[in-house]
């Protein structure tokens, strides 16, 4: 994991970066919203679990945490979920019902602490409303995100993610051309169905984000981004016509292994 940082007075980022050989880094973010009823958004990767909890505890007394908003059940979002639930006895787990049912096949969820949500639903955290949305691009059918009406910020889950050249704390620190290329590459690999989608329907889905007009976008897989909504929307419209992603094969693995040092294995 990387060091946490404050992106807004009420929002802290708990970042990590997964190296993508030959391509760069994939940001993996969780967020803490210091609302009247504090909200943790996702819980990082399992490999960082001990460090994640330690960093989170340095930001908030977990006995004060009221909500854990889980965007979906992919492993890079659920890594510390069980530990946080155990350490935060007053927190409720807000997520999609199917996400909860799938997680329950791994370990037993405290069903009496669940709060099931669908797009169009909302959570009142005392000083703001978190309105649940279906991000226009996703890799997991259970994915949900939300719009914070006080901060005017969109938490978009995997949508608007990008593979970046190096870890940074602000999307402004990435050259726009490189950012766009990284976003197209990530969307193509994470959501390959975009190459098969009806492009008019995709634009309609993207237009819903345009109508919200968030001041900032907090993606799980991109540094925080301010004032880039139009660029992001335009970029995603280009994905269906881009070259589909093809995963590295065995020959690529053999080359990679030859280049690695013994201590890297």
C-alpha atoms as a PDB file:
ATOM      1  CA  UNK A   1       0.000   0.000   0.000  1.00  0.00           C
ATOM      2  CA  UNK A   2       0.899   3.642  -0.386  1.00  0.00           C
ATOM      3  CA  UNK A   3       0.553   6.386   2.196  1.00  0.00           C
ATOM      4  CA  UNK A   4      -3.000   7.655   2.643  1.00  0.00           C
ATOM      5  CA  UNK A   5      -3.772  11.258   1.735  1.00  0.00           C
ATOM      6  CA  UNK A   6      -6.594  13.763   1.960  1.00  0.00           C
ATOM      7  CA  UNK A   7      -8.059  14.728  -1.388  1.00  0.00           C
ATOM      8  CA  UNK A   8     -10.792  16.891   0.157  1.00  0.00           C
ATOM      9  CA  UNK A   9     -11.237  18.033   3.769  1.00  0.00           C
ATOM     10  CA  UNK A  10     -13.828  15.272   4.221  1.00  0.00           C
ATOM     11  CA  UNK A  11     -12.338  12.551   2.002  1.00  0.00           C
ATOM     12  CA  UNK A  12      -9.208  10.472   2.533  1.00  0.00           C
ATOM     13  CA  UNK A  13      -7.802   8.095  -0.070  1.00  0.00           C
ATOM     14  CA  UNK A  14      -6.321   4.743   0.941  1.00  0.00           C
ATOM     15  CA  UNK A  15      -4.326   3.962  -2.213  1.00  0.00           C
ATOM     16  CA  UNK A  16      -2.352   1.055  -3.548  1.00  0.00           C
ATOM     17  CA  UNK A  17      -0.877   0.344  -6.967  1.00  0.00           C
ATOM     18  CA  UNK A  18      -0.753  -3.069  -8.633  1.00  0.00           C
ATOM     19  CA  UNK A  19       2.147  -3.336 -11.112  1.00  0.00           C
ATOM     20  CA  UNK A  20       1.128  -4.408 -14.635  1.00  0.00           C
ATOM     21  CA  UNK A  21       4.308  -5.753 -16.284  1.00  0.00           C
ATOM     22  CA  UNK A  22       5.188  -3.893 -19.440  1.00  0.00           C
ATOM     23  CA  UNK A  23       2.297  -1.454 -19.045  1.00  0.00           C
ATOM     24  CA  UNK A  24       2.557   0.494 -15.801  1.00  0.00           C
ATOM     25  CA  UNK A  25       0.457   0.489 -12.646  1.00  0.00           C
ATOM     26  CA  UNK A  26      -3.196  -0.013 -11.832  1.00  0.00           C
ATOM     27  CA  UNK A  27      -4.355   2.219  -8.965  1.00  0.00           C
ATOM     28  CA  UNK A  28      -6.468   0.413  -6.370  1.00  0.00           C
ATOM     29  CA  UNK A  29      -8.268   2.916  -4.144  1.00  0.00           C
ATOM     30  CA  UNK A  30     -10.510   2.775  -1.122  1.00  0.00           C
ATOM     31  CA  UNK A  31     -11.967   5.964   0.355  1.00  0.00           C
ATOM     32  CA  UNK A  32     -13.050   7.246   3.752  1.00  0.00           C
ATOM     33  CA  UNK A  33     -15.761   9.921   3.794  1.00  0.00           C
ATOM     34  CA  UNK A  34     -15.799  11.803   7.083  1.00  0.00           C
ATOM     35  CA  UNK A  35     -19.528  12.396   6.999  1.00  0.00           C
ATOM     36  CA  UNK A  36     -21.620  12.831  10.129  1.00  0.00           C
ATOM     37  CA  UNK A  37     -21.937   9.057   9.828  1.00  0.00           C
ATOM     38  CA  UNK A  38     -18.500   8.110   8.440  1.00  0.00           C
ATOM     39  CA  UNK A  39     -18.379   5.891   5.349  1.00  0.00           C
ATOM     40  CA  UNK A  40     -15.624   3.546   4.150  1.00  0.00           C
ATOM     41  CA  UNK A  41     -15.847   2.865   0.415  1.00  0.00           C
ATOM     42  CA  UNK A  42     -14.386  -0.592  -0.370  1.00  0.00           C
ATOM     43  CA  UNK A  43     -11.545  -2.225   1.548  1.00  0.00           C
ATOM     44  CA  UNK A  44      -8.528  -2.736  -0.674  1.00  0.00           C
ATOM     45  CA  UNK A  45      -6.582  -5.863  -1.648  1.00  0.00           C
ATOM     46  CA  UNK A  46      -6.159  -8.884   0.584  1.00  0.00           C
ATOM     47  CA  UNK A  47      -2.373  -8.810   0.283  1.00  0.00           C
ATOM     48  CA  UNK A  48      -2.438  -5.376   1.974  1.00  0.00           C
ATOM     49  CA  UNK A  49      -4.992  -6.285   4.621  1.00  0.00           C
ATOM     50  CA  UNK A  50      -2.930  -5.782   7.796  1.00  0.00           C
ATOM     51  CA  UNK A  51      -1.456  -2.525   6.538  1.00  0.00           C
ATOM     52  CA  UNK A  52      -4.852  -1.343   5.256  1.00  0.00           C
ATOM     53  CA  UNK A  53      -6.469  -1.736   8.662  1.00  0.00           C
ATOM     54  CA  UNK A  54      -3.523  -0.062  10.378  1.00  0.00           C
ATOM     55  CA  UNK A  55      -3.723   2.944   8.038  1.00  0.00           C
ATOM     56  CA  UNK A  56      -7.492   3.143   8.380  1.00  0.00           C
ATOM     57  CA  UNK A  57      -7.202   3.104  12.178  1.00  0.00           C
ATOM     58  CA  UNK A  58      -4.768   6.033  11.963  1.00  0.00           C
ATOM     59  CA  UNK A  59      -7.498   8.076  10.241  1.00  0.00           C
ATOM     60  CA  UNK A  60     -10.574   7.074  12.228  1.00  0.00           C
ATOM     61  CA  UNK A  61     -11.493   5.231  15.392  1.00  0.00           C
ATOM     62  CA  UNK A  62     -13.203   2.209  13.856  1.00  0.00           C
ATOM     63  CA  UNK A  63     -15.772   2.241  16.646  1.00  0.00           C
ATOM     64  CA  UNK A  64     -17.045   5.461  15.021  1.00  0.00           C
ATOM     65  CA  UNK A  65     -17.360   4.004  11.522  1.00  0.00           C
ATOM     66  CA  UNK A  66     -21.058   3.792  10.587  1.00  0.00           C
ATOM     67  CA  UNK A  67     -21.045   2.544   6.993  1.00  0.00           C
ATOM     68  CA  UNK A  68     -18.995   0.307   4.733  1.00  0.00           C
ATOM     69  CA  UNK A  69     -20.110   0.856   1.144  1.00  0.00           C
ATOM     70  CA  UNK A  70     -18.980  -2.086  -0.975  1.00  0.00           C
ATOM     71  CA  UNK A  71     -19.191  -1.366  -4.706  1.00  0.00           C
ATOM     72  CA  UNK A  72     -18.867  -5.056  -5.678  1.00  0.00           C
ATOM     73  CA  UNK A  73     -17.282  -8.286  -4.517  1.00  0.00           C
ATOM     74  CA  UNK A  74     -14.083  -8.398  -6.590  1.00  0.00           C
ATOM     75  CA  UNK A  75     -11.076  -9.307  -4.453  1.00  0.00           C
ATOM     76  CA  UNK A  76      -9.356  -5.936  -4.889  1.00  0.00           C
ATOM     77  CA  UNK A  77     -12.351  -4.316  -3.169  1.00  0.00           C
ATOM     78  CA  UNK A  78     -12.990  -6.824  -0.359  1.00  0.00           C
ATOM     79  CA  UNK A  79      -9.475  -7.516   0.950  1.00  0.00           C
ATOM     80  CA  UNK A  80      -9.988  -6.140   4.462  1.00  0.00           C
ATOM     81  CA  UNK A  81     -13.758  -6.358   4.656  1.00  0.00           C
ATOM     82  CA  UNK A  82     -13.952  -9.079   7.277  1.00  0.00           C
ATOM     83  CA  UNK A  83     -11.337  -7.451   9.511  1.00  0.00           C
ATOM     84  CA  UNK A  84     -12.999  -4.035   9.284  1.00  0.00           C
ATOM     85  CA  UNK A  85     -16.428  -5.463  10.085  1.00  0.00           C
ATOM     86  CA  UNK A  86     -14.964  -7.140  13.160  1.00  0.00           C
ATOM     87  CA  UNK A  87     -13.170  -3.971  14.297  1.00  0.00           C
ATOM     88  CA  UNK A  88     -16.108  -1.645  13.557  1.00  0.00           C
ATOM     89  CA  UNK A  89     -19.075  -3.148  15.434  1.00  0.00           C
ATOM     90  CA  UNK A  90     -21.409  -0.224  14.674  1.00  0.00           C
ATOM     91  CA  UNK A  91     -20.818  -0.217  10.922  1.00  0.00           C
ATOM     92  CA  UNK A  92     -23.436  -1.483   8.476  1.00  0.00           C
ATOM     93  CA  UNK A  93     -22.423  -3.100   5.200  1.00  0.00           C
ATOM     94  CA  UNK A  94     -24.184  -1.356   2.315  1.00  0.00           C
ATOM     95  CA  UNK A  95     -24.038  -3.241  -0.965  1.00  0.00           C
ATOM     96  CA  UNK A  96     -26.055  -5.016  -3.638  1.00  0.00           C
ATOM     97  CA  UNK A  97     -27.972  -8.100  -2.453  1.00  0.00           C
ATOM     98  CA  UNK A  98     -26.324 -10.385  -5.028  1.00  0.00           C
ATOM     99  CA  UNK A  99     -22.899  -9.160  -3.914  1.00  0.00           C
ATOM    100  CA  UNK A 100     -23.838 -10.114  -0.356  1.00  0.00           C
ATOM    101  CA  UNK A 101     -25.056 -13.548  -1.397  1.00  0.00           C
ATOM    102  CA  UNK A 102     -21.849 -14.241  -3.334  1.00  0.00           C
ATOM    103  CA  UNK A 103     -19.660 -13.100  -0.449  1.00  0.00           C
ATOM    104  CA  UNK A 104     -21.629 -15.328   1.873  1.00  0.00           C
ATOM    105  CA  UNK A 105     -20.238 -18.357   0.022  1.00  0.00           C
ATOM    106  CA  UNK A 106     -16.735 -17.380   1.198  1.00  0.00           C
ATOM    107  CA  UNK A 107     -17.411 -16.459   4.809  1.00  0.00           C
ATOM    108  CA  UNK A 108     -20.625 -15.873   6.768  1.00  0.00           C
ATOM    109  CA  UNK A 109     -21.752 -12.265   6.596  1.00  0.00           C
ATOM    110  CA  UNK A 110     -23.530 -10.658   9.577  1.00  0.00           C
ATOM    111  CA  UNK A 111     -26.894 -10.441   7.823  1.00  0.00           C
ATOM    112  CA  UNK A 112     -28.395  -8.265  10.560  1.00  0.00           C
ATOM    113  CA  UNK A 113     -25.818  -5.581   9.676  1.00  0.00           C
ATOM    114  CA  UNK A 114     -26.561  -5.599   5.960  1.00  0.00           C
ATOM    115  CA  UNK A 115     -28.154  -2.747   4.006  1.00  0.00           C
ATOM    116  CA  UNK A 116     -29.114  -3.810   0.472  1.00  0.00           C
ATOM    117  CA  UNK A 117     -29.145  -1.231  -2.289  1.00  0.00           C
ATOM    118  CA  UNK A 118     -30.064  -0.918  -5.956  1.00  0.00           C
ATOM    119  CA  UNK A 119     -29.508   1.987  -8.380  1.00  0.00           C
ATOM    120  CA  UNK A 120     -31.908   4.807  -7.471  1.00  0.00           C
ATOM    121  CA  UNK A 121     -31.758   4.011  -3.742  1.00  0.00           C
ATOM    122  CA  UNK A 122     -29.881   6.249  -1.322  1.00  0.00           C
ATOM    123  CA  UNK A 123     -28.238   6.393   2.103  1.00  0.00           C
ATOM    124  CA  UNK A 124     -28.626   9.337   4.446  1.00  0.00           C
ATOM    125  CA  UNK A 125     -25.447   9.778   6.482  1.00  0.00           C
ATOM    126  CA  UNK A 126     -26.724  12.694   8.564  1.00  0.00           C
ATOM    127  CA  UNK A 127     -25.164  15.574   6.635  1.00  0.00           C
ATOM    128  CA  UNK A 128     -25.498  14.291   3.054  1.00  0.00           C
ATOM    129  CA  UNK A 129     -27.248  11.812   0.815  1.00  0.00           C
ATOM    130  CA  UNK A 130     -25.387   9.151  -1.124  1.00  0.00           C
ATOM    131  CA  UNK A 131     -27.481   8.371  -4.196  1.00  0.00           C
ATOM    132  CA  UNK A 132     -26.741   4.957  -5.657  1.00  0.00           C
ATOM    133  CA  UNK A 133     -26.027   4.743  -9.390  1.00  0.00           C
ATOM    134  CA  UNK A 134     -25.126   2.027 -11.867  1.00  0.00           C
ATOM    135  CA  UNK A 135     -21.787   3.077 -13.376  1.00  0.00           C
ATOM    136  CA  UNK A 136     -21.940   3.109 -17.185  1.00  0.00           C
ATOM    137  CA  UNK A 137     -18.966   0.717 -17.371  1.00  0.00           C
ATOM    138  CA  UNK A 138     -18.349  -2.237 -15.044  1.00  0.00           C
ATOM    139  CA  UNK A 139     -16.738  -5.669 -14.967  1.00  0.00           C
ATOM    140  CA  UNK A 140     -18.997  -7.165 -12.313  1.00  0.00           C
ATOM    141  CA  UNK A 141     -22.782  -7.165 -12.880  1.00  0.00           C
ATOM    142  CA  UNK A 142     -23.468  -6.389  -9.213  1.00  0.00           C
ATOM    143  CA  UNK A 143     -21.465  -3.128  -9.310  1.00  0.00           C
ATOM    144  CA  UNK A 144     -22.915   0.002  -7.759  1.00  0.00           C
ATOM    145  CA  UNK A 145     -21.430   3.450  -7.194  1.00  0.00           C
ATOM    146  CA  UNK A 146     -22.888   6.635  -5.748  1.00  0.00           C
ATOM    147  CA  UNK A 147     -23.073  10.399  -5.945  1.00  0.00           C
ATOM    148  CA  UNK A 148     -22.350  12.435  -2.813  1.00  0.00           C
ATOM    149  CA  UNK A 149     -24.722  15.402  -3.078  1.00  0.00           C
ATOM    150  CA  UNK A 150     -22.825  17.501  -0.512  1.00  0.00           C
ATOM    151  CA  UNK A 151     -19.414  17.160  -2.127  1.00  0.00           C
ATOM    152  CA  UNK A 152     -20.838  16.880  -5.666  1.00  0.00           C
ATOM    153  CA  UNK A 153     -18.536  13.930  -6.209  1.00  0.00           C
ATOM    154  CA  UNK A 154     -19.125  10.674  -8.098  1.00  0.00           C
ATOM    155  CA  UNK A 155     -17.682   7.451  -6.689  1.00  0.00           C
ATOM    156  CA  UNK A 156     -17.583   5.372  -9.856  1.00  0.00           C
ATOM    157  CA  UNK A 157     -16.177   1.965  -8.807  1.00  0.00           C
ATOM    158  CA  UNK A 158     -14.105   0.473 -11.686  1.00  0.00           C
ATOM    159  CA  UNK A 159     -15.509   2.936 -14.226  1.00  0.00           C
ATOM    160  CA  UNK A 160     -13.067   5.604 -15.479  1.00  0.00           C
ATOM    161  CA  UNK A 161     -10.088   3.605 -14.294  1.00  0.00           C
ATOM    162  CA  UNK A 162      -6.787   3.633 -16.157  1.00  0.00           C
ATOM    163  CA  UNK A 163      -3.405   1.966 -16.215  1.00  0.00           C
ATOM    164  CA  UNK A 164      -0.958   4.756 -15.366  1.00  0.00           C
ATOM    165  CA  UNK A 165       2.821   5.110 -15.960  1.00  0.00           C
ATOM    166  CA  UNK A 166       3.620   5.647 -12.277  1.00  0.00           C
ATOM    167  CA  UNK A 167       1.796   6.180  -8.984  1.00  0.00           C
ATOM    168  CA  UNK A 168       0.488   9.730  -8.519  1.00  0.00           C
ATOM    169  CA  UNK A 169      -2.111  11.341  -6.260  1.00  0.00           C
ATOM    170  CA  UNK A 170      -3.902  13.460  -8.850  1.00  0.00           C
ATOM    171  CA  UNK A 171      -5.086  12.697 -12.369  1.00  0.00           C
ATOM    172  CA  UNK A 172      -3.799  16.138 -13.387  1.00  0.00           C
ATOM    173  CA  UNK A 173      -0.297  14.748 -12.955  1.00  0.00           C
ATOM    174  CA  UNK A 174      -0.810  12.408 -15.920  1.00  0.00           C
ATOM    175  CA  UNK A 175      -0.420  13.763 -19.448  1.00  0.00           C
ATOM    176  CA  UNK A 176      -3.874  13.805 -21.051  1.00  0.00           C
ATOM    177  CA  UNK A 177      -2.879  11.654 -24.046  1.00  0.00           C
ATOM    178  CA  UNK A 178      -1.367   9.014 -21.769  1.00  0.00           C
ATOM    179  CA  UNK A 179      -4.378   9.166 -19.455  1.00  0.00           C
ATOM    180  CA  UNK A 180      -6.798   8.657 -22.343  1.00  0.00           C
ATOM    181  CA  UNK A 181      -4.795   5.731 -23.722  1.00  0.00           C
ATOM    182  CA  UNK A 182      -4.596   4.175 -20.255  1.00  0.00           C
ATOM    183  CA  UNK A 183      -8.348   4.552 -19.746  1.00  0.00           C
ATOM    184  CA  UNK A 184      -9.180   2.985 -23.107  1.00  0.00           C
ATOM    185  CA  UNK A 185      -6.821   0.093 -22.388  1.00  0.00           C
ATOM    186  CA  UNK A 186      -8.270  -0.497 -18.932  1.00  0.00           C
ATOM    187  CA  UNK A 187     -11.889  -0.320 -20.114  1.00  0.00           C
ATOM    188  CA  UNK A 188     -11.156  -2.734 -22.967  1.00  0.00           C
ATOM    189  CA  UNK A 189      -9.517  -5.275 -20.670  1.00  0.00           C
ATOM    190  CA  UNK A 190     -11.818  -4.885 -17.653  1.00  0.00           C
ATOM    191  CA  UNK A 191     -15.091  -4.620 -19.598  1.00  0.00           C
ATOM    192  CA  UNK A 192     -14.563  -6.431 -22.935  1.00  0.00           C
ATOM    193  CA  UNK A 193     -18.308  -6.363 -23.588  1.00  0.00           C
ATOM    194  CA  UNK A 194     -17.840  -2.714 -24.610  1.00  0.00           C
ATOM    195  CA  UNK A 195     -16.660  -3.977 -28.003  1.00  0.00           C
ATOM    196  CA  UNK A 196     -20.054  -5.648 -28.525  1.00  0.00           C
ATOM    197  CA  UNK A 197     -22.346  -3.002 -27.069  1.00  0.00           C
ATOM    198  CA  UNK A 198     -24.952  -0.904 -28.867  1.00  0.00           C
ATOM    199  CA  UNK A 199     -23.084   2.401 -28.990  1.00  0.00           C
ATOM    200  CA  UNK A 200     -26.260   4.485 -28.781  1.00  0.00           C
ATOM    201  CA  UNK A 201     -27.202   2.760 -25.538  1.00  0.00           C
ATOM    202  CA  UNK A 202     -23.675   3.270 -24.222  1.00  0.00           C
ATOM    203  CA  UNK A 203     -23.918   7.002 -24.939  1.00  0.00           C
ATOM    204  CA  UNK A 204     -27.279   7.150 -23.176  1.00  0.00           C
ATOM    205  CA  UNK A 205     -25.720   5.554 -20.117  1.00  0.00           C
ATOM    206  CA  UNK A 206     -22.769   7.959 -20.239  1.00  0.00           C
ATOM    207  CA  UNK A 207     -25.151  10.902 -20.664  1.00  0.00           C
ATOM    208  CA  UNK A 208     -26.614  10.121 -17.236  1.00  0.00           C
ATOM    209  CA  UNK A 209     -23.207  10.887 -15.712  1.00  0.00           C
ATOM    210  CA  UNK A 210     -23.026  14.056 -17.795  1.00  0.00           C
ATOM    211  CA  UNK A 211     -26.382  15.129 -16.396  1.00  0.00           C
ATOM    212  CA  UNK A 212     -25.141  14.612 -12.840  1.00  0.00           C
ATOM    213  CA  UNK A 213     -22.115  16.763 -13.770  1.00  0.00           C
ATOM    214  CA  UNK A 214     -19.915  15.795 -10.807  1.00  0.00           C
ATOM    215  CA  UNK A 215     -17.179  18.243  -9.862  1.00  0.00           C
ATOM    216  CA  UNK A 216     -14.850  15.339  -9.141  1.00  0.00           C
ATOM    217  CA  UNK A 217     -14.723  11.655  -9.997  1.00  0.00           C
ATOM    218  CA  UNK A 218     -13.291   9.154  -7.543  1.00  0.00           C
ATOM    219  CA  UNK A 219     -12.635   5.911  -9.393  1.00  0.00           C
ATOM    220  CA  UNK A 220     -11.378   2.790  -7.686  1.00  0.00           C
ATOM    221  CA  UNK A 221      -8.686   2.588 -10.356  1.00  0.00           C
ATOM    222  CA  UNK A 222      -7.554   6.142 -11.066  1.00  0.00           C
ATOM    223  CA  UNK A 223      -6.122   9.003  -9.019  1.00  0.00           C
ATOM    224  CA  UNK A 224      -8.817  11.520  -7.993  1.00  0.00           C
ATOM    225  CA  UNK A 225      -9.889  13.631 -10.955  1.00  0.00           C
ATOM    226  CA  UNK A 226     -11.360  17.139 -10.946  1.00  0.00           C
ATOM    227  CA  UNK A 227     -13.006  18.847 -13.921  1.00  0.00           C
ATOM    228  CA  UNK A 228     -12.439  15.919 -16.273  1.00  0.00           C
ATOM    229  CA  UNK A 229     -15.942  14.522 -16.638  1.00  0.00           C
ATOM    230  CA  UNK A 230     -16.341  15.466 -20.309  1.00  0.00           C
ATOM    231  CA  UNK A 231     -12.915  14.067 -21.214  1.00  0.00           C
ATOM    232  CA  UNK A 232     -13.722  10.824 -19.422  1.00  0.00           C
ATOM    233  CA  UNK A 233     -17.108  10.454 -21.100  1.00  0.00           C
ATOM    234  CA  UNK A 234     -15.662  11.167 -24.531  1.00  0.00           C
ATOM    235  CA  UNK A 235     -12.899   8.635 -23.893  1.00  0.00           C
ATOM    236  CA  UNK A 236     -15.279   5.811 -23.031  1.00  0.00           C
ATOM    237  CA  UNK A 237     -17.258   6.429 -26.245  1.00  0.00           C
ATOM    238  CA  UNK A 238     -14.059   5.531 -28.135  1.00  0.00           C
ATOM    239  CA  UNK A 239     -13.638   2.119 -26.528  1.00  0.00           C
ATOM    240  CA  UNK A 240     -16.021   0.091 -28.755  1.00  0.00           C
ATOM    241  CA  UNK A 241     -13.997   1.072 -31.837  1.00  0.00           C
ATOM    242  CA  UNK A 242     -10.607   0.530 -30.196  1.00  0.00           C
ATOM    243  CA  UNK A 243      -8.498  -2.604 -30.593  1.00  0.00           C
ATOM    244  CA  UNK A 244      -9.817  -5.279 -28.221  1.00  0.00           C
ATOM    245  CA  UNK A 245      -7.483  -6.245 -25.407  1.00  0.00           C
ATOM    246  CA  UNK A 246      -5.713  -9.609 -25.741  1.00  0.00           C
ATOM    247  CA  UNK A 247      -4.159 -11.031 -22.579  1.00  0.00           C
ATOM    248  CA  UNK A 248      -0.470 -12.068 -22.634  1.00  0.00           C
ATOM    249  CA  UNK A 249       0.073 -15.725 -23.557  1.00  0.00           C
ATOM    250  CA  UNK A 250       2.572 -18.374 -22.447  1.00  0.00           C
ATOM    251  CA  UNK A 251       5.332 -16.998 -24.693  1.00  0.00           C
ATOM    252  CA  UNK A 252       4.950 -13.601 -23.037  1.00  0.00           C
ATOM    253  CA  UNK A 253       5.151 -15.251 -19.623  1.00  0.00           C
ATOM    254  CA  UNK A 254       8.347 -17.054 -20.555  1.00  0.00           C
ATOM    255  CA  UNK A 255       9.937 -13.786 -21.710  1.00  0.00           C
ATOM    256  CA  UNK A 256       8.828 -12.125 -18.475  1.00  0.00           C
ATOM    257  CA  UNK A 257      10.290 -14.917 -16.360  1.00  0.00           C
ATOM    258  CA  UNK A 258      13.616 -14.649 -18.178  1.00  0.00           C
ATOM    259  CA  UNK A 259      13.758 -10.942 -17.370  1.00  0.00           C
ATOM    260  CA  UNK A 260      12.960 -11.398 -13.692  1.00  0.00           C
ATOM    261  CA  UNK A 261      15.584 -11.776 -11.010  1.00  0.00           C
ATOM    262  CA  UNK A 262      15.438 -14.797  -8.644  1.00  0.00           C
ATOM    263  CA  UNK A 263      14.273 -12.592  -5.781  1.00  0.00           C
ATOM    264  CA  UNK A 264      11.298 -11.369  -7.868  1.00  0.00           C
ATOM    265  CA  UNK A 265       9.733 -14.830  -8.150  1.00  0.00           C
END
